[in-house]
Protein backbone atom coordinates (compact mmCIF):
# COMPACT_ATOMS: atom_id res chain seq x y z
CA UNK A 1 -61.06 156.02 -115.54
CA UNK A 2 -61.03 154.14 -112.18
CA UNK A 3 -58.33 154.88 -109.60
CA UNK A 4 -57.11 151.03 -109.69
CA UNK A 5 -56.87 151.20 -113.35
CA UNK A 6 -53.94 154.03 -113.28
CA UNK A 7 -50.54 152.92 -114.70
CA UNK A 8 -47.90 153.36 -111.90
CA UNK A 9 -45.03 152.11 -114.04
CA UNK A 10 -42.45 154.65 -114.99
CA UNK A 11 -40.44 153.67 -118.18
CA UNK A 12 -36.64 154.56 -117.42
CA UNK A 13 -34.06 154.55 -119.83
CA UNK A 14 -31.79 151.42 -120.38
CA UNK A 15 -29.04 152.41 -118.86
CA UNK A 16 -30.39 153.25 -115.56
CA UNK A 17 -31.04 156.36 -113.72
CA UNK A 18 -28.09 158.67 -114.23
CA UNK A 19 -26.19 159.91 -111.57
CA UNK A 20 -26.40 163.66 -111.61
CA UNK A 21 -29.82 163.06 -111.44
CA UNK A 22 -31.48 163.14 -107.56
CA UNK A 23 -32.26 159.93 -106.10
CA UNK A 24 -35.24 161.36 -104.08
CA UNK A 25 -38.34 160.08 -105.96
CA UNK A 26 -40.69 161.97 -103.22
CA UNK A 27 -43.28 163.87 -105.02
CA UNK A 28 -43.36 167.31 -102.89
CA UNK A 29 -46.61 167.58 -100.50
CA UNK A 30 -47.35 163.90 -100.97
CA UNK A 31 -46.55 160.84 -98.61
CA UNK A 32 -43.40 159.02 -99.66
CA UNK A 33 -44.46 156.01 -102.12
CA UNK A 34 -42.95 152.38 -102.28
CA UNK A 35 -40.53 151.90 -105.47
CA UNK A 36 -40.63 148.57 -106.37
CA UNK A 37 -38.19 147.00 -109.50
CA UNK A 38 -40.02 145.17 -111.84
CA UNK A 39 -38.16 142.39 -114.53
CA UNK A 40 -38.56 144.75 -117.36
CA UNK A 41 -36.33 147.43 -115.13
CA UNK A 42 -39.10 149.14 -114.69
CA UNK A 43 -39.90 151.11 -111.30
CA UNK A 44 -43.28 151.09 -109.53
CA UNK A 45 -44.37 153.30 -107.47
CA UNK A 46 -46.61 151.67 -105.09
CA UNK A 47 -49.72 154.03 -103.38
CA UNK A 48 -49.06 154.96 -99.78
CA UNK A 49 -51.27 153.45 -97.42
CA UNK A 50 -53.23 156.15 -95.92
CA UNK A 51 -52.36 157.04 -92.33
CA UNK A 52 -54.84 158.52 -89.40
CA UNK A 53 -54.11 162.08 -89.32
CA UNK A 54 -52.06 163.04 -86.31
CA UNK A 55 -52.76 166.00 -83.65
CA UNK A 56 -50.41 168.91 -84.62
CA UNK A 57 -48.25 169.44 -81.10
CA UNK A 58 -46.55 172.93 -80.25
CA UNK A 59 -42.39 171.85 -80.63
CA UNK A 60 -40.72 172.93 -77.07
CA UNK A 61 -38.46 175.19 -77.30
CA UNK A 62 -35.08 173.89 -77.49
CA UNK A 63 -32.08 174.93 -74.58
CA UNK A 64 -28.68 175.24 -75.75
CA UNK A 65 -26.52 173.29 -73.83
CA UNK A 66 -23.67 174.73 -71.69
CA UNK A 67 -20.69 175.96 -72.91
CA UNK A 68 -17.61 174.05 -71.67
CA UNK A 69 -14.04 174.69 -72.58
CA UNK A 70 -12.94 170.79 -71.17
CA UNK A 71 -12.97 168.49 -73.74
CA UNK A 72 -16.09 166.29 -73.88
CA UNK A 73 -14.15 162.88 -72.92
CA UNK A 74 -12.50 164.26 -69.51
CA UNK A 75 -15.33 166.94 -68.77
CA UNK A 76 -16.82 164.32 -65.55
CA UNK A 77 -13.53 163.75 -64.56
CA UNK A 78 -11.84 167.23 -64.36
CA UNK A 79 -15.03 168.74 -62.67
CA UNK A 80 -14.93 166.31 -59.90
CA UNK A 81 -11.13 166.57 -59.04
CA UNK A 82 -12.22 170.91 -59.16
CA UNK A 83 -14.76 170.06 -56.57
CA UNK A 84 -12.17 168.07 -54.39
CA UNK A 85 -9.70 171.01 -54.16
CA UNK A 86 -12.51 173.35 -53.47
CA UNK A 87 -14.07 171.79 -50.97
CA UNK A 88 -10.26 170.74 -49.75
CA UNK A 89 -9.49 174.56 -49.66
CA UNK A 90 -12.83 175.45 -47.27
CA UNK A 91 -12.07 172.82 -45.08
CA UNK A 92 -8.81 174.18 -44.66
CA UNK A 93 -9.87 177.89 -44.03
CA UNK A 94 -12.68 176.38 -42.02
CA UNK A 95 -10.41 174.56 -39.26
CA UNK A 96 -8.31 177.52 -39.57
CA UNK A 97 -10.35 179.98 -38.58
CA UNK A 98 -12.45 177.53 -36.06
CA UNK A 99 -8.05 177.77 -34.37
CA UNK A 100 -7.98 181.47 -34.58
CA UNK A 101 -11.12 182.10 -32.98
CA UNK A 102 -11.33 179.28 -30.36
CA UNK A 103 -7.64 178.36 -29.39
CA UNK A 104 -6.95 181.72 -27.37
CA UNK A 105 -9.90 181.24 -25.19
CA UNK A 106 -8.78 177.36 -24.67
CA UNK A 107 -5.07 178.92 -24.00
CA UNK A 108 -7.00 181.58 -21.51
CA UNK A 109 -8.86 178.75 -19.43
CA UNK A 110 -5.38 176.20 -19.22
CA UNK A 111 -3.64 179.31 -18.01
CA UNK A 112 -6.33 180.27 -15.28
CA UNK A 113 -6.04 176.84 -13.87
CA UNK A 114 -2.23 176.99 -13.75
CA UNK A 115 -2.63 180.49 -12.01
CA UNK A 116 -4.68 178.75 -9.50
CA UNK A 117 -1.84 176.12 -9.17
CA UNK A 118 0.64 178.90 -8.47
CA UNK A 119 2.40 177.79 -11.47
CA UNK A 120 2.75 181.75 -12.64
CA UNK A 121 6.06 181.51 -14.94
CA UNK A 122 4.36 178.49 -17.19
CA UNK A 123 0.98 180.34 -17.19
CA UNK A 124 2.23 183.36 -18.91
CA UNK A 125 4.30 181.14 -21.73
CA UNK A 126 0.78 180.30 -22.34
CA UNK A 127 -1.12 183.73 -22.38
CA UNK A 128 1.90 185.00 -24.80
CA UNK A 129 0.90 181.94 -27.47
CA UNK A 130 -2.15 183.39 -27.28
CA UNK A 131 -1.47 186.65 -28.54
CA UNK A 132 0.63 185.08 -31.39
CA UNK A 133 -2.96 184.23 -32.65
CA UNK A 134 -3.81 187.95 -32.65
CA UNK A 135 -7.42 187.23 -30.53
CA UNK A 136 -10.55 189.05 -31.15
CA UNK A 137 -10.32 190.68 -27.76
CA UNK A 138 -6.58 191.05 -26.75
CA UNK A 139 -7.13 192.73 -23.62
CA UNK A 140 -8.57 189.40 -22.50
CA UNK A 141 -5.17 187.81 -22.55
CA UNK A 142 -3.23 190.78 -21.95
CA UNK A 143 -4.56 191.31 -18.17
CA UNK A 144 -4.02 188.33 -17.25
CA UNK A 145 -0.78 187.80 -18.88
CA UNK A 146 0.27 190.79 -16.82
CA UNK A 147 -1.02 189.50 -13.72
CA UNK A 148 0.91 186.31 -13.91
CA UNK A 149 4.14 188.46 -15.00
CA UNK A 150 3.71 190.19 -12.16
CA UNK A 151 3.40 187.15 -9.59
CA UNK A 152 6.53 185.45 -11.73
CA UNK A 153 8.50 188.49 -10.46
CA UNK A 154 8.95 189.70 -14.13
CA UNK A 155 8.04 193.35 -13.30
CA UNK A 156 8.82 195.29 -15.98
CA UNK A 157 7.72 192.79 -18.40
CA UNK A 158 3.99 192.96 -16.71
CA UNK A 159 3.99 196.84 -16.44
CA UNK A 160 4.43 196.64 -20.48
CA UNK A 161 1.56 194.40 -21.11
CA UNK A 162 -0.76 196.07 -18.74
CA UNK A 163 -0.13 199.32 -20.23
CA UNK A 164 -1.05 198.22 -23.68
CA UNK A 165 -4.04 196.46 -22.14
CA UNK A 166 -5.19 200.21 -20.87
CA UNK A 167 -4.41 202.04 -23.92
CA UNK A 168 -6.99 199.28 -25.63
CA UNK A 169 -9.31 199.67 -22.79
CA UNK A 170 -8.42 202.70 -20.45
CA UNK A 171 -11.32 201.87 -17.74
CA UNK A 172 -10.28 198.60 -17.20
CA UNK A 173 -10.81 198.14 -13.43
CA UNK A 174 -8.72 194.87 -13.09
CA UNK A 175 -5.87 196.77 -15.67
CA UNK A 176 -5.45 199.37 -13.30
CA UNK A 177 -5.54 197.19 -10.43
CA UNK A 178 -3.00 195.11 -11.51
CA UNK A 179 -0.75 198.28 -12.78
CA UNK A 180 -1.03 199.63 -9.30
CA UNK A 181 0.27 196.51 -7.59
CA UNK A 182 3.18 195.99 -10.47
CA UNK A 183 4.13 199.32 -9.23
CA UNK A 184 4.16 198.43 -5.75
CA UNK A 185 6.48 195.99 -6.47
CA UNK A 186 8.89 197.77 -8.39
CA UNK A 187 9.05 200.10 -5.19
CA UNK A 188 7.19 203.20 -7.52
CA UNK A 189 4.93 204.08 -4.33
CA UNK A 190 3.63 207.25 -5.51
CA UNK A 191 2.62 205.64 -9.16
CA UNK A 192 0.79 202.78 -7.52
CA UNK A 193 -1.18 205.37 -5.09
CA UNK A 194 -2.35 207.48 -8.47
CA UNK A 195 -2.89 204.43 -10.38
CA UNK A 196 -4.69 203.19 -7.34
CA UNK A 197 -7.00 206.77 -7.27
CA UNK A 198 -7.65 206.46 -10.74
CA UNK A 199 -9.18 202.94 -10.51
CA UNK A 200 -11.34 204.38 -7.56
CA UNK A 201 -12.45 207.08 -9.60
CA UNK A 202 -14.50 204.15 -11.74
CA UNK A 203 -15.11 201.78 -8.58
CA UNK A 204 -15.13 204.32 -5.96
CA UNK A 205 -16.37 201.03 -3.67
CA UNK A 206 -14.12 198.50 -4.63
CA UNK A 207 -13.03 197.21 -1.22
CA UNK A 208 -9.46 195.32 -2.45
CA UNK A 209 -8.59 198.98 -4.19
CA UNK A 210 -9.99 200.82 -1.08
CA UNK A 211 -7.94 198.76 1.02
CA UNK A 212 -4.58 199.16 -1.16
CA UNK A 213 -5.35 202.31 -1.70
CA UNK A 214 -4.75 203.02 2.60
CA UNK A 215 -2.07 200.86 2.59
CA UNK A 216 0.32 202.80 0.08
CA UNK A 217 -0.79 206.11 1.28
CA UNK A 218 0.19 204.62 4.94
CA UNK A 219 3.67 203.84 3.50
CA UNK A 220 3.62 207.41 1.77
CA UNK A 221 2.92 209.18 4.80
CA UNK A 222 -0.07 210.22 3.80
CA UNK A 223 -2.31 209.69 6.75
CA UNK A 224 -4.86 211.38 5.71
CA UNK A 225 -5.86 209.44 2.63
CA UNK A 226 -5.08 206.14 4.73
CA UNK A 227 -7.92 207.21 6.83
CA UNK A 228 -10.30 208.11 4.88
CA UNK A 229 -9.56 205.05 2.45
CA UNK A 230 -9.61 202.76 5.97
CA UNK A 231 -13.12 204.75 7.28
CA UNK A 232 -14.95 203.97 3.84
CA UNK A 233 -14.01 200.32 4.19
CA UNK A 234 -15.33 200.34 8.02
CA UNK A 235 -18.70 202.42 7.14
CA UNK A 236 -19.61 199.94 4.45
CA UNK A 237 -19.05 197.07 7.26
CA UNK A 238 -16.28 195.65 5.21
CA UNK A 239 -13.24 196.15 7.27
CA UNK A 240 -11.05 193.28 8.49
CA UNK A 241 -9.93 193.09 11.82
CA UNK A 242 -6.41 193.68 10.28
CA UNK A 243 -8.16 196.82 8.36
CA UNK A 244 -9.19 197.59 11.91
CA UNK A 245 -5.89 197.30 13.16
CA UNK A 246 -4.11 199.33 10.42
CA UNK A 247 -6.34 202.30 11.02
CA UNK A 248 -5.62 201.99 14.54
CA UNK A 249 -1.86 202.18 13.96
CA UNK A 250 -2.77 205.67 11.64
CA UNK A 251 -4.83 207.51 13.89
CA UNK A 252 -2.13 206.68 16.64
CA UNK A 253 0.31 208.25 14.13
CA UNK A 254 -1.86 211.08 13.62
CA UNK A 255 -1.97 211.97 17.35
CA UNK A 256 -5.44 210.46 17.94
CA UNK A 257 -5.39 208.40 20.76
CA UNK A 258 -9.04 207.82 21.51
CA UNK A 259 -9.96 207.40 17.65
CA UNK A 260 -6.66 204.29 17.99
CA UNK A 261 -8.18 202.81 21.10
CA UNK A 262 -11.65 202.47 19.48
CA UNK A 263 -10.26 201.16 16.15
CA UNK A 264 -7.87 198.76 17.81
CA UNK A 265 -10.90 197.61 20.20
CA UNK A 266 -12.90 197.13 17.04
CA UNK A 267 -10.46 194.94 15.78
CA UNK A 268 -10.00 193.06 19.01
CA UNK A 269 -13.70 191.79 19.01
CA UNK A 270 -13.12 190.71 15.30
CA UNK A 271 -10.45 188.43 15.94
CA UNK A 272 -9.16 188.54 19.49
CA UNK A 273 -6.30 186.12 18.50
CA UNK A 274 -4.84 188.72 16.34
CA UNK A 275 -0.84 189.10 16.87
CA UNK A 276 0.57 192.17 17.77
CA UNK A 277 -3.43 193.62 18.57
CA UNK A 278 -2.48 194.19 22.03
CA UNK A 279 1.00 195.62 21.57
CA UNK A 280 -0.59 198.33 19.78
CA UNK A 281 -3.56 198.98 21.88
CA UNK A 282 -1.19 198.83 25.17
CA UNK A 283 0.86 201.22 23.44
CA UNK A 284 -1.95 203.52 23.03
CA UNK A 285 -2.90 202.87 26.50
CA UNK A 286 0.62 204.04 27.45
CA UNK A 287 -0.09 206.92 25.35
CA UNK A 288 -3.22 208.15 27.37
CA UNK A 289 -1.38 207.57 30.27
CA UNK A 290 -3.42 204.46 31.28
CA UNK A 291 -0.44 201.99 32.22
CA UNK A 292 -2.60 200.15 34.37
CA UNK A 293 -4.54 198.46 31.07
CA UNK A 294 -1.33 198.95 29.09
CA UNK A 295 0.80 196.39 31.52
CA UNK A 296 -2.41 194.06 31.12
CA UNK A 297 -2.11 194.28 27.79
CA UNK A 298 1.45 193.50 27.17
CA UNK A 299 1.40 190.49 29.38
CA UNK A 300 -1.42 189.08 27.38
CA UNK A 301 0.52 189.36 24.39
CA UNK A 302 3.39 187.64 25.90
CA UNK A 303 1.44 184.67 26.65
CA UNK A 304 1.28 184.54 23.00
CA UNK A 305 4.99 185.63 22.01
CA UNK A 306 7.01 184.57 25.04
CA UNK A 307 10.50 184.93 23.24
CA UNK A 308 9.95 188.49 21.64
CA UNK A 309 12.42 190.54 23.15
CA UNK A 310 10.90 193.74 21.98
CA UNK A 311 7.81 192.69 23.49
CA UNK A 312 9.86 191.93 26.87
CA UNK A 313 11.05 195.71 26.96
CA UNK A 314 7.75 197.34 26.15
CA UNK A 315 6.25 195.08 29.20
CA UNK A 316 9.17 196.60 31.58
CA UNK A 317 8.59 200.07 30.46
CA UNK A 318 4.84 199.73 30.96
CA UNK A 319 5.89 198.25 34.52
CA UNK A 320 7.87 201.00 35.41
CA UNK A 321 5.46 203.83 34.49
CA UNK A 322 2.41 202.58 35.90
CA UNK A 323 5.07 202.28 39.29
CA UNK A 324 5.83 205.99 38.78
CA UNK A 325 2.42 206.71 38.54
CA UNK A 326 1.49 204.75 41.80
CA UNK A 327 4.57 206.20 43.30
CA UNK A 328 3.33 209.85 42.49
CA UNK A 329 0.35 209.15 43.99
CA UNK A 330 2.35 207.96 47.50
CA UNK A 331 1.30 204.06 46.82
CA UNK A 332 4.23 202.14 47.40
CA UNK A 333 2.46 199.33 47.76
CA UNK A 334 0.73 198.99 43.94
CA UNK A 335 4.03 200.94 42.85
CA UNK A 336 6.18 197.70 44.40
CA UNK A 337 3.72 195.38 43.03
CA UNK A 338 4.06 196.33 39.57
CA UNK A 339 8.00 196.96 39.67
CA UNK A 340 8.01 193.04 40.69
CA UNK A 341 5.84 192.12 37.57
CA UNK A 342 8.82 194.02 35.05
CA UNK A 343 11.60 191.59 36.60
CA UNK A 344 9.46 188.40 35.64
CA UNK A 345 10.43 188.73 32.02
CA UNK A 346 14.27 189.23 30.78
CA UNK A 347 14.70 192.83 29.91
CA UNK A 348 17.73 195.57 29.22
CA UNK A 349 15.55 197.56 31.97
CA UNK A 350 15.81 195.28 34.45
CA UNK A 351 18.99 196.76 36.99
CA UNK A 352 16.48 199.87 36.74
CA UNK A 353 13.65 197.85 38.11
CA UNK A 354 16.31 196.78 40.90
CA UNK A 355 17.31 200.04 41.78
CA UNK A 356 13.56 201.84 42.28
CA UNK A 357 12.78 198.46 44.32
CA UNK A 358 15.80 198.97 46.56
CA UNK A 359 14.80 202.36 46.82
CA UNK A 360 10.85 201.68 48.45
CA UNK A 361 12.87 198.75 50.56
CA UNK A 362 14.94 201.29 51.81
CA UNK A 363 12.03 203.96 52.71
CA UNK A 364 10.31 201.28 54.28
CA UNK A 365 13.37 200.68 56.34
CA UNK A 366 13.57 196.81 54.90
CA UNK A 367 17.40 196.97 54.66
CA UNK A 368 18.13 193.40 54.18
CA UNK A 369 15.56 193.32 50.52
CA UNK A 370 16.84 196.96 49.92
CA UNK A 371 20.62 195.98 49.95
CA UNK A 372 19.70 192.99 47.86
CA UNK A 373 18.36 194.38 45.13
CA UNK A 374 20.62 197.18 45.30
CA UNK A 375 23.48 195.03 44.97
CA UNK A 376 21.72 193.41 41.84
CA UNK A 377 21.39 196.88 40.32
CA UNK A 378 24.92 198.03 40.62
CA UNK A 379 26.14 194.73 39.82
CA UNK A 380 24.53 195.36 36.49
CA UNK A 381 24.94 198.48 35.95
CA UNK A 382 28.03 199.93 38.14
CA UNK A 383 26.57 203.74 37.71
CA UNK A 384 24.01 203.29 40.10
CA UNK A 385 26.96 203.22 42.73
CA UNK A 386 27.14 207.14 42.70
CA UNK A 387 23.64 207.49 42.27
CA UNK A 388 22.87 205.44 45.57
CA UNK A 389 25.30 207.11 47.22
CA UNK A 390 23.22 210.78 46.56
CA UNK A 391 19.61 209.28 46.51
CA UNK A 392 18.08 210.37 49.76
CA UNK A 393 15.95 207.70 49.48
CA UNK A 394 18.55 205.40 50.63
CA UNK A 395 18.80 207.74 53.77
CA UNK A 396 17.35 205.21 56.09
CA UNK A 397 20.18 202.88 54.97
CA UNK A 398 22.98 205.13 54.60
CA UNK A 399 25.03 204.26 57.47
CA UNK A 400 24.72 200.82 57.13
CA UNK A 401 28.35 199.02 56.68
CA UNK A 402 26.83 196.56 53.91
CA UNK A 403 25.46 199.43 52.11
CA UNK A 404 28.69 201.63 52.64
CA UNK A 405 30.42 199.08 50.98
CA UNK A 406 28.24 198.70 47.83
CA UNK A 407 28.62 202.23 46.95
CA UNK A 408 31.95 202.74 47.75
């Protein structure tokens, strides 16, 4: 039988297909056939058209979708909101961290500017705020805070903060220096000296600490330590005119007049206009019995400070000593010259000078000049009346009526 003669009709019951029967008319293993209904209610199966054989493909493994607890209708919106909240808090944390890290340094720079402008109280207030931020390096805030508190005369507060800084960093030269200066202001000189010595054990050549240590040692009457510190500055070529002047004072009080003279001379060469220097050198010369040199230096100093009463007294006293020195050498003219120099200033020693001048003129039988100066001496100091009556220097004019009248 030919393939086309095959009867493709299927007879169906008159009532149609029963419901319980399967509607799947597919013959297993064959391509699905087309179902055609005829007028006689027969169903014809149309033979399927042949299709080209498809190459077999390896199925790709399916990736399971992520499980979400968010309802599908709101999932996209909820993720966006969560991201926004996360980003917001991250930015807040970054901003807070930046403030914590950078703000103390910013405040410190502001405080340094205020310190340079001598606004110490304002600077200290700023630095206290920086401490509230718990900076990474607290000592960098504590030390300038202590300094500004000291300069603001809040010495106890300064001491407290500097001691905290040293508890964190015991070898801080800056903290030790500031604490030493604070002790000086508090009048605790021994503590100040000990603090400076501790600093020098770390930085033995620090010029400022050597200077402060020398000065406080002098105030403590520790002249040996004072001179030693000043000498270190001198050896390093770092001694100022003031340092050399102070060293001269220390040596003078130690009785080392030659060393004192040398230090003061160096100071004068460094700064000839330094006030008080000539007085110190004159005092040293007087101690060495170089009275002529002393008078000259006092005179130079008087030119700088003509209204200084102490200086006038020193000058007059040096003139008297120089005069006595020449009188002992039997040089009355030189002796007289220095006495007359002593009268060029107003001093409490003027009556004594007048008396000495009168005695010299009396020996030279210059009665007019002798009586004139003796009168001035007795008018200012009546005790000279009794002294003159017995003084052999006035023997040449003792019988003169005017002399008798003066000493009566």
